């Protein structure tokens, strides 16, 4: 694992930053928690790639708040073409 940022998916829409930080802090220092809206996924940045790897191995497929978590290394965001307001009719 190269990075220390993890993608976390399939958690409850009502999950909070604090709940996820507490869960992941068992595996190392949590630098940042970023939940994306109320969509059931987000990103966790750990203190090191080793800590991120430990958290991934321990928590991927585990149960959290009645749901099975998906934890994987975060991939860089792809460049998307700019959206325009032009509409074709």
PDB file of N, CA and C in Angstrom:
ATOM      1  N   UNK A   1       0.860  -1.177   0.000  1.00  0.00           N
ATOM      2  CA  UNK A   1       0.000   0.000   0.000  1.00  0.00           C
ATOM      3  C   UNK A   1       0.903   1.236   0.000  1.00  0.00           C
ATOM      4  N   UNK A   2       0.631   2.149  -0.908  1.00  0.00           N
ATOM      5  CA  UNK A   2       1.501   3.316  -1.037  1.00  0.00           C
ATOM      6  C   UNK A   2       1.026   4.498  -0.214  1.00  0.00           C
ATOM      7  N   UNK A   3      -0.271   4.751  -0.195  1.00  0.00           N
ATOM      8  CA  UNK A   3      -0.775   5.946   0.468  1.00  0.00           C
ATOM      9  C   UNK A   3      -1.331   5.663   1.840  1.00  0.00           C
ATOM     10  N   UNK A   4      -1.702   6.724   2.513  1.00  0.00           N
ATOM     11  CA  UNK A   4      -2.288   6.567   3.837  1.00  0.00           C
ATOM     12  C   UNK A   4      -3.746   7.010   3.848  1.00  0.00           C
ATOM     13  N   UNK A   5      -4.346   7.133   2.658  1.00  0.00           N
ATOM     14  CA  UNK A   5      -5.745   7.526   2.563  1.00  0.00           C
ATOM     15  C   UNK A   5      -6.582   6.324   2.128  1.00  0.00           C
ATOM     16  N   UNK A   6      -7.673   6.096   2.849  1.00  0.00           N
ATOM     17  CA  UNK A   6      -8.528   4.948   2.594  1.00  0.00           C
ATOM     18  C   UNK A   6      -9.912   5.386   2.139  1.00  0.00           C
ATOM     19  N   UNK A   7     -10.472   4.616   1.212  1.00  0.00           N
ATOM     20  CA  UNK A   7     -11.880   4.742   0.845  1.00  0.00           C
ATOM     21  C   UNK A   7     -12.652   3.843   1.797  1.00  0.00           C
ATOM     22  N   UNK A   8     -13.737   4.338   2.360  1.00  0.00           N
ATOM     23  CA  UNK A   8     -14.577   3.538   3.247  1.00  0.00           C
ATOM     24  C   UNK A   8     -16.001   3.631   2.727  1.00  0.00           C
ATOM     25  N   UNK A   9     -16.603   2.491   2.448  1.00  0.00           N
ATOM     26  CA  UNK A   9     -17.945   2.489   1.895  1.00  0.00           C
ATOM     27  C   UNK A   9     -18.886   1.559   2.623  1.00  0.00           C
ATOM     28  N   UNK A  10     -20.152   1.728   2.342  1.00  0.00           N
ATOM     29  CA  UNK A  10     -21.244   0.908   2.858  1.00  0.00           C
ATOM     30  C   UNK A  10     -21.473   1.077   4.353  1.00  0.00           C
ATOM     31  N   UNK A  11     -21.217   2.289   4.874  1.00  0.00           N
ATOM     32  CA  UNK A  11     -21.594   2.529   6.263  1.00  0.00           C
ATOM     33  C   UNK A  11     -22.931   3.259   6.295  1.00  0.00           C
ATOM     34  N   UNK A  12     -23.548   3.263   7.444  1.00  0.00           N
ATOM     35  CA  UNK A  12     -24.855   3.884   7.629  1.00  0.00           C
ATOM     36  C   UNK A  12     -24.811   5.362   7.262  1.00  0.00           C
ATOM     37  N   UNK A  13     -25.880   5.848   6.634  1.00  0.00           N
ATOM     38  CA  UNK A  13     -25.972   7.263   6.257  1.00  0.00           C
ATOM     39  C   UNK A  13     -25.925   8.169   7.481  1.00  0.00           C
ATOM     40  N   UNK A  14     -26.246   7.623   8.636  1.00  0.00           N
ATOM     41  CA  UNK A  14     -26.254   8.432   9.857  1.00  0.00           C
ATOM     42  C   UNK A  14     -24.915   8.394  10.601  1.00  0.00           C
ATOM     43  N   UNK A  15     -23.924   7.686  10.065  1.00  0.00           N
ATOM     44  CA  UNK A  15     -22.614   7.602  10.719  1.00  0.00           C
ATOM     45  C   UNK A  15     -21.981   8.989  10.791  1.00  0.00           C
ATOM     46  N   UNK A  16     -21.237   9.226  11.863  1.00  0.00           N
ATOM     47  CA  UNK A  16     -20.603  10.526  12.062  1.00  0.00           C
ATOM     48  C   UNK A  16     -19.082  10.416  11.930  1.00  0.00           C
ATOM     49  N   UNK A  17     -18.452  11.570  11.743  1.00  0.00           N
ATOM     50  CA  UNK A  17     -16.982  11.619  11.706  1.00  0.00           C
ATOM     51  C   UNK A  17     -16.409  11.002  12.975  1.00  0.00           C
ATOM     52  N   UNK A  18     -17.021  11.342  14.110  1.00  0.00           N
ATOM     53  CA  UNK A  18     -16.515  10.870  15.403  1.00  0.00           C
ATOM     54  C   UNK A  18     -16.577   9.351  15.510  1.00  0.00           C
ATOM     55  N   UNK A  19     -17.663   8.741  15.020  1.00  0.00           N
ATOM     56  CA  UNK A  19     -17.788   7.278  15.078  1.00  0.00           C
ATOM     57  C   UNK A  19     -16.711   6.603  14.224  1.00  0.00           C
ATOM     58  N   UNK A  20     -16.500   7.120  13.035  1.00  0.00           N
ATOM     59  CA  UNK A  20     -15.492   6.526  12.161  1.00  0.00           C
ATOM     60  C   UNK A  20     -14.083   6.759  12.700  1.00  0.00           C
ATOM     61  N   UNK A  21     -13.842   7.940  13.252  1.00  0.00           N
ATOM     62  CA  UNK A  21     -12.528   8.213  13.837  1.00  0.00           C
ATOM     63  C   UNK A  21     -12.238   7.250  14.983  1.00  0.00           C
ATOM     64  N   UNK A  22     -13.231   7.011  15.812  1.00  0.00           N
ATOM     65  CA  UNK A  22     -13.057   6.081  16.941  1.00  0.00           C
ATOM     66  C   UNK A  22     -12.755   4.670  16.432  1.00  0.00           C
ATOM     67  N   UNK A  23     -13.491   4.238  15.408  1.00  0.00           N
ATOM     68  CA  UNK A  23     -13.291   2.899  14.858  1.00  0.00           C
ATOM     69  C   UNK A  23     -11.889   2.737  14.286  1.00  0.00           C
ATOM     70  N   UNK A  24     -11.442   3.705  13.497  1.00  0.00           N
ATOM     71  CA  UNK A  24     -10.150   3.592  12.825  1.00  0.00           C
ATOM     72  C   UNK A  24      -8.971   3.897  13.743  1.00  0.00           C
ATOM     73  N   UNK A  25      -9.189   4.648  14.808  1.00  0.00           N
ATOM     74  CA  UNK A  25      -8.084   5.018  15.699  1.00  0.00           C
ATOM     75  C   UNK A  25      -7.490   3.816  16.432  1.00  0.00           C
ATOM     76  N   UNK A  26      -8.186   2.698  16.445  1.00  0.00           N
ATOM     77  CA  UNK A  26      -7.634   1.476  17.034  1.00  0.00           C
ATOM     78  C   UNK A  26      -6.423   0.973  16.251  1.00  0.00           C
ATOM     79  N   UNK A  27      -6.260   1.463  15.002  1.00  0.00           N
ATOM     80  CA  UNK A  27      -5.200   0.959  14.126  1.00  0.00           C
ATOM     81  C   UNK A  27      -4.130   2.007  13.846  1.00  0.00           C
ATOM     82  N   UNK A  28      -4.234   3.181  14.483  1.00  0.00           N
ATOM     83  CA  UNK A  28      -3.231   4.218  14.300  1.00  0.00           C
ATOM     84  C   UNK A  28      -3.850   5.604  14.393  1.00  0.00           C
ATOM     85  N   UNK A  29      -3.046   6.584  14.074  1.00  0.00           N
ATOM     86  CA  UNK A  29      -3.486   7.969  14.146  1.00  0.00           C
ATOM     87  C   UNK A  29      -4.395   8.303  12.968  1.00  0.00           C
ATOM     88  N   UNK A  30      -5.581   8.842  13.279  1.00  0.00           N
ATOM     89  CA  UNK A  30      -6.498   9.293  12.243  1.00  0.00           C
ATOM     90  C   UNK A  30      -6.232  10.782  12.030  1.00  0.00           C
ATOM     91  N   UNK A  31      -5.785  11.138  10.830  1.00  0.00           N
ATOM     92  CA  UNK A  31      -5.457  12.522  10.499  1.00  0.00           C
ATOM     93  C   UNK A  31      -6.710  13.285  10.103  1.00  0.00           C
ATOM     94  N   UNK A  32      -7.564  12.636   9.284  1.00  0.00           N
ATOM     95  CA  UNK A  32      -8.757  13.315   8.790  1.00  0.00           C
ATOM     96  C   UNK A  32      -9.836  12.301   8.428  1.00  0.00           C
ATOM     97  N   UNK A  33     -11.099  12.694   8.691  1.00  0.00           N
ATOM     98  CA  UNK A  33     -12.263  11.920   8.275  1.00  0.00           C
ATOM     99  C   UNK A  33     -13.075  12.821   7.361  1.00  0.00           C
ATOM    100  N   UNK A  34     -13.446  12.301   6.202  1.00  0.00           N
ATOM    101  CA  UNK A  34     -14.222  13.084   5.254  1.00  0.00           C
ATOM    102  C   UNK A  34     -15.384  12.241   4.742  1.00  0.00           C
ATOM    103  N   UNK A  35     -16.563  12.428   5.336  1.00  0.00           N
ATOM    104  CA  UNK A  35     -17.765  11.723   4.891  1.00  0.00           C
ATOM    105  C   UNK A  35     -18.367  12.531   3.744  1.00  0.00           C
ATOM    106  N   UNK A  36     -18.700  11.853   2.656  1.00  0.00           N
ATOM    107  CA  UNK A  36     -19.255  12.517   1.483  1.00  0.00           C
ATOM    108  C   UNK A  36     -20.774  12.563   1.606  1.00  0.00           C
ATOM    109  N   UNK A  37     -21.303  13.744   1.961  1.00  0.00           N
ATOM    110  CA  UNK A  37     -22.754  13.916   2.098  1.00  0.00           C
ATOM    111  C   UNK A  37     -23.364  12.841   2.962  1.00  0.00           C
ATOM    112  N   UNK A  38     -24.577  12.488   2.683  1.00  0.00           N
ATOM    113  CA  UNK A  38     -25.255  11.365   3.360  1.00  0.00           C
ATOM    114  C   UNK A  38     -25.360  10.218   2.379  1.00  0.00           C
ATOM    115  N   UNK A  39     -24.217   9.774   1.872  1.00  0.00           N
ATOM    116  CA  UNK A  39     -24.200   8.762   0.823  1.00  0.00           C
ATOM    117  C   UNK A  39     -23.639   7.422   1.280  1.00  0.00           C
ATOM    118  N   UNK A  40     -23.180   7.327   2.531  1.00  0.00           N
ATOM    119  CA  UNK A  40     -22.691   6.049   3.025  1.00  0.00           C
ATOM    120  C   UNK A  40     -21.268   5.726   2.623  1.00  0.00           C
ATOM    121  N   UNK A  41     -20.504   6.740   2.205  1.00  0.00           N
ATOM    122  CA  UNK A  41     -19.096   6.491   1.937  1.00  0.00           C
ATOM    123  C   UNK A  41     -18.283   7.746   2.246  1.00  0.00           C
ATOM    124  N   UNK A  42     -16.979   7.549   2.328  1.00  0.00           N
ATOM    125  CA  UNK A  42     -16.102   8.670   2.623  1.00  0.00           C
ATOM    126  C   UNK A  42     -14.656   8.231   2.592  1.00  0.00           C
ATOM    127  N   UNK A  43     -13.803   9.075   3.158  1.00  0.00           N
ATOM    128  CA  UNK A  43     -12.371   8.824   3.138  1.00  0.00           C
ATOM    129  C   UNK A  43     -11.784   9.061   4.522  1.00  0.00           C
ATOM    130  N   UNK A  44     -10.825   8.217   4.877  1.00  0.00           N
ATOM    131  CA  UNK A  44     -10.114   8.322   6.146  1.00  0.00           C
ATOM    132  C   UNK A  44      -8.635   8.450   5.808  1.00  0.00           C
ATOM    133  N   UNK A  45      -8.007   9.470   6.363  1.00  0.00           N
ATOM    134  CA  UNK A  45      -6.561   9.607   6.187  1.00  0.00           C
ATOM    135  C   UNK A  45      -5.897   9.195   7.487  1.00  0.00           C
ATOM    136  N   UNK A  46      -5.005   8.214   7.386  1.00  0.00           N
ATOM    137  CA  UNK A  46      -4.283   7.701   8.537  1.00  0.00           C
ATOM    138  C   UNK A  46      -2.910   8.354   8.621  1.00  0.00           C
ATOM    139  N   UNK A  47      -2.230   8.203   9.766  1.00  0.00           N
ATOM    140  CA  UNK A  47      -0.939   8.820   9.997  1.00  0.00           C
ATOM    141  C   UNK A  47       0.181   8.275   9.131  1.00  0.00           C
ATOM    142  N   UNK A  48       0.074   7.028   8.693  1.00  0.00           N
ATOM    143  CA  UNK A  48       1.113   6.428   7.848  1.00  0.00           C
ATOM    144  C   UNK A  48       0.478   5.358   6.966  1.00  0.00           C
ATOM    145  N   UNK A  49       1.216   4.956   5.948  1.00  0.00           N
ATOM    146  CA  UNK A  49       0.703   3.902   5.069  1.00  0.00           C
ATOM    147  C   UNK A  49       0.614   2.567   5.807  1.00  0.00           C
ATOM    148  N   UNK A  50       1.503   2.349   6.787  1.00  0.00           N
ATOM    149  CA  UNK A  50       1.453   1.109   7.565  1.00  0.00           C
ATOM    150  C   UNK A  50       0.173   1.051   8.403  1.00  0.00           C
ATOM    151  N   UNK A  51      -0.186   2.173   9.010  1.00  0.00           N
ATOM    152  CA  UNK A  51      -1.416   2.230   9.800  1.00  0.00           C
ATOM    153  C   UNK A  51      -2.643   2.048   8.900  1.00  0.00           C
ATOM    154  N   UNK A  52      -2.597   2.644   7.724  1.00  0.00           N
ATOM    155  CA  UNK A  52      -3.701   2.492   6.781  1.00  0.00           C
ATOM    156  C   UNK A  52      -3.854   1.026   6.373  1.00  0.00           C
ATOM    157  N   UNK A  53      -2.736   0.362   6.127  1.00  0.00           N
ATOM    158  CA  UNK A  53      -2.770  -1.055   5.742  1.00  0.00           C
ATOM    159  C   UNK A  53      -3.365  -1.905   6.867  1.00  0.00           C
ATOM    160  N   UNK A  54      -2.953  -1.636   8.112  1.00  0.00           N
ATOM    161  CA  UNK A  54      -3.503  -2.381   9.263  1.00  0.00           C
ATOM    162  C   UNK A  54      -5.004  -2.189   9.362  1.00  0.00           C
ATOM    163  N   UNK A  55      -5.459  -0.946   9.217  1.00  0.00           N
ATOM    164  CA  UNK A  55      -6.888  -0.650   9.311  1.00  0.00           C
ATOM    165  C   UNK A  55      -7.653  -1.337   8.181  1.00  0.00           C
ATOM    166  N   UNK A  56      -7.113  -1.286   6.980  1.00  0.00           N
ATOM    167  CA  UNK A  56      -7.764  -1.928   5.826  1.00  0.00           C
ATOM    168  C   UNK A  56      -7.917  -3.429   6.054  1.00  0.00           C
ATOM    169  N   UNK A  57      -6.831  -4.070   6.462  1.00  0.00           N
ATOM    170  CA  UNK A  57      -6.868  -5.523   6.676  1.00  0.00           C
ATOM    171  C   UNK A  57      -7.857  -5.899   7.774  1.00  0.00           C
ATOM    172  N   UNK A  58      -7.928  -5.096   8.820  1.00  0.00           N
ATOM    173  CA  UNK A  58      -8.788  -5.429   9.956  1.00  0.00           C
ATOM    174  C   UNK A  58     -10.259  -5.099   9.702  1.00  0.00           C
ATOM    175  N   UNK A  59     -10.523  -4.023   8.968  1.00  0.00           N
ATOM    176  CA  UNK A  59     -11.898  -3.529   8.891  1.00  0.00           C
ATOM    177  C   UNK A  59     -12.635  -3.854   7.595  1.00  0.00           C
ATOM    178  N   UNK A  60     -11.927  -4.175   6.515  1.00  0.00           N
ATOM    179  CA  UNK A  60     -12.612  -4.520   5.269  1.00  0.00           C
ATOM    180  C   UNK A  60     -13.428  -5.790   5.474  1.00  0.00           C
ATOM    181  N   UNK A  61     -14.714  -5.689   5.239  1.00  0.00           N
ATOM    182  CA  UNK A  61     -15.608  -6.843   5.425  1.00  0.00           C
ATOM    183  C   UNK A  61     -16.147  -6.980   6.838  1.00  0.00           C
ATOM    184  N   UNK A  62     -15.734  -6.086   7.734  1.00  0.00           N
ATOM    185  CA  UNK A  62     -16.221  -6.167   9.115  1.00  0.00           C
ATOM    186  C   UNK A  62     -17.585  -5.498   9.240  1.00  0.00           C
ATOM    187  N   UNK A  63     -18.272  -5.791  10.317  1.00  0.00           N
ATOM    188  CA  UNK A  63     -19.598  -5.230  10.565  1.00  0.00           C
ATOM    189  C   UNK A  63     -19.482  -3.955  11.390  1.00  0.00           C
ATOM    190  N   UNK A  64     -20.169  -2.913  10.939  1.00  0.00           N
ATOM    191  CA  UNK A  64     -20.198  -1.634  11.648  1.00  0.00           C
ATOM    192  C   UNK A  64     -21.610  -1.094  11.567  1.00  0.00           C
ATOM    193  N   UNK A  65     -22.249  -0.972  12.718  1.00  0.00           N
ATOM    194  CA  UNK A  65     -23.606  -0.434  12.783  1.00  0.00           C
ATOM    195  C   UNK A  65     -24.573  -1.231  11.900  1.00  0.00           C
ATOM    196  N   UNK A  66     -24.372  -2.564  11.886  1.00  0.00           N
ATOM    197  CA  UNK A  66     -25.273  -3.446  11.142  1.00  0.00           C
ATOM    198  C   UNK A  66     -25.011  -3.536   9.654  1.00  0.00           C
ATOM    199  N   UNK A  67     -23.907  -2.949   9.183  1.00  0.00           N
ATOM    200  CA  UNK A  67     -23.581  -2.988   7.753  1.00  0.00           C
ATOM    201  C   UNK A  67     -22.168  -3.536   7.580  1.00  0.00           C
ATOM    202  N   UNK A  68     -21.896  -4.125   6.428  1.00  0.00           N
ATOM    203  CA  UNK A  68     -20.575  -4.675   6.139  1.00  0.00           C
ATOM    204  C   UNK A  68     -19.735  -3.611   5.446  1.00  0.00           C
ATOM    205  N   UNK A  69     -18.666  -3.185   6.125  1.00  0.00           N
ATOM    206  CA  UNK A  69     -17.815  -2.131   5.586  1.00  0.00           C
ATOM    207  C   UNK A  69     -16.997  -2.602   4.397  1.00  0.00           C
ATOM    208  N   UNK A  70     -16.758  -1.687   3.486  1.00  0.00           N
ATOM    209  CA  UNK A  70     -15.815  -1.895   2.392  1.00  0.00           C
ATOM    210  C   UNK A  70     -14.703  -0.881   2.599  1.00  0.00           C
ATOM    211  N   UNK A  71     -13.485  -1.359   2.793  1.00  0.00           N
ATOM    212  CA  UNK A  71     -12.334  -0.479   3.030  1.00  0.00           C
ATOM    213  C   UNK A  71     -11.270  -0.823   1.997  1.00  0.00           C
ATOM    214  N   UNK A  72     -10.792   0.195   1.288  1.00  0.00           N
ATOM    215  CA  UNK A  72      -9.786  -0.019   0.254  1.00  0.00           C
ATOM    216  C   UNK A  72      -8.904   1.222   0.160  1.00  0.00           C
ATOM    217  N   UNK A  73      -7.774   1.064  -0.486  1.00  0.00           N
ATOM    218  CA  UNK A  73      -6.897   2.219  -0.704  1.00  0.00           C
ATOM    219  C   UNK A  73      -7.614   3.220  -1.603  1.00  0.00           C
ATOM    220  N   UNK A  74      -7.591   4.484  -1.214  1.00  0.00           N
ATOM    221  CA  UNK A  74      -8.237   5.520  -2.025  1.00  0.00           C
ATOM    222  C   UNK A  74      -7.430   5.712  -3.303  1.00  0.00           C
ATOM    223  N   UNK A  75      -8.136   5.865  -4.403  1.00  0.00           N
ATOM    224  CA  UNK A  75      -7.475   6.114  -5.683  1.00  0.00           C
ATOM    225  C   UNK A  75      -7.530   7.599  -5.983  1.00  0.00           C
ATOM    226  N   UNK A  76      -6.544   8.114  -6.709  1.00  0.00           N
ATOM    227  CA  UNK A  76      -6.584   9.540  -7.056  1.00  0.00           C
ATOM    228  C   UNK A  76      -7.825   9.857  -7.885  1.00  0.00           C
ATOM    229  N   UNK A  77      -8.356  11.046  -7.666  1.00  0.00           N
ATOM    230  CA  UNK A  77      -9.539  11.457  -8.406  1.00  0.00           C
ATOM    231  C   UNK A  77      -9.158  11.674  -9.863  1.00  0.00           C
ATOM    232  N   UNK A  78      -9.990  11.147 -10.770  1.00  0.00           N
ATOM    233  CA  UNK A  78      -9.719  11.315 -12.196  1.00  0.00           C
ATOM    234  C   UNK A  78     -10.123  12.714 -12.630  1.00  0.00           C
ATOM    235  N   UNK A  79      -9.350  13.241 -13.568  1.00  0.00           N
ATOM    236  CA  UNK A  79      -9.731  14.534 -14.138  1.00  0.00           C
ATOM    237  C   UNK A  79     -10.969  14.328 -14.994  1.00  0.00           C
ATOM    238  N   UNK A  80     -11.950  15.150 -14.731  1.00  0.00           N
ATOM    239  CA  UNK A  80     -13.171  15.086 -15.528  1.00  0.00           C
ATOM    240  C   UNK A  80     -13.255  16.331 -16.397  1.00  0.00           C
ATOM    241  N   UNK A  81     -13.825  16.189 -17.589  1.00  0.00           N
ATOM    242  CA  UNK A  81     -13.989  17.390 -18.409  1.00  0.00           C
ATOM    243  C   UNK A  81     -14.935  18.362 -17.709  1.00  0.00           C
ATOM    244  N   UNK A  82     -14.682  19.627 -17.893  1.00  0.00           N
ATOM    245  CA  UNK A  82     -15.539  20.643 -17.280  1.00  0.00           C
ATOM    246  C   UNK A  82     -16.950  20.519 -17.838  1.00  0.00           C
ATOM    247  N   UNK A  83     -17.910  20.689 -16.964  1.00  0.00           N
ATOM    248  CA  UNK A  83     -19.303  20.625 -17.393  1.00  0.00           C
ATOM    249  C   UNK A  83     -19.743  22.011 -17.828  1.00  0.00           C
ATOM    250  N   UNK A  84     -20.482  22.054 -18.885  1.00  0.00           N
ATOM    251  CA  UNK A  84     -20.994  23.355 -19.317  1.00  0.00           C
ATOM    252  C   UNK A  84     -22.511  23.373 -19.157  1.00  0.00           C
ATOM    253  N   UNK A  85     -23.044  24.525 -19.203  1.00  0.00           N
ATOM    254  CA  UNK A  85     -24.502  24.661 -19.094  1.00  0.00           C
ATOM    255  C   UNK A  85     -25.176  24.584 -20.451  1.00  0.00           C
ATOM    256  N   UNK A  86     -24.394  24.339 -21.492  1.00  0.00           N
ATOM    257  CA  UNK A  86     -24.931  24.256 -22.838  1.00  0.00           C
ATOM    258  C   UNK A  86     -25.758  22.983 -22.967  1.00  0.00           C
ATOM    259  N   UNK A  87     -26.958  23.138 -23.482  1.00  0.00           N
ATOM    260  CA  UNK A  87     -27.843  21.976 -23.701  1.00  0.00           C
ATOM    261  C   UNK A  87     -28.183  21.856 -25.183  1.00  0.00           C
ATOM    262  N   UNK A  88     -28.163  20.653 -25.658  1.00  0.00           N
ATOM    263  CA  UNK A  88     -28.591  20.423 -27.049  1.00  0.00           C
ATOM    264  C   UNK A  88     -30.059  20.088 -27.071  1.00  0.00           C
ATOM    265  N   UNK A  89     -30.735  20.617 -28.060  1.00  0.00           N
ATOM    266  CA  UNK A  89     -32.171  20.315 -28.211  1.00  0.00           C
ATOM    267  C   UNK A  89     -32.436  19.662 -29.525  1.00  0.00           C
TER     268      UNK A  89
END
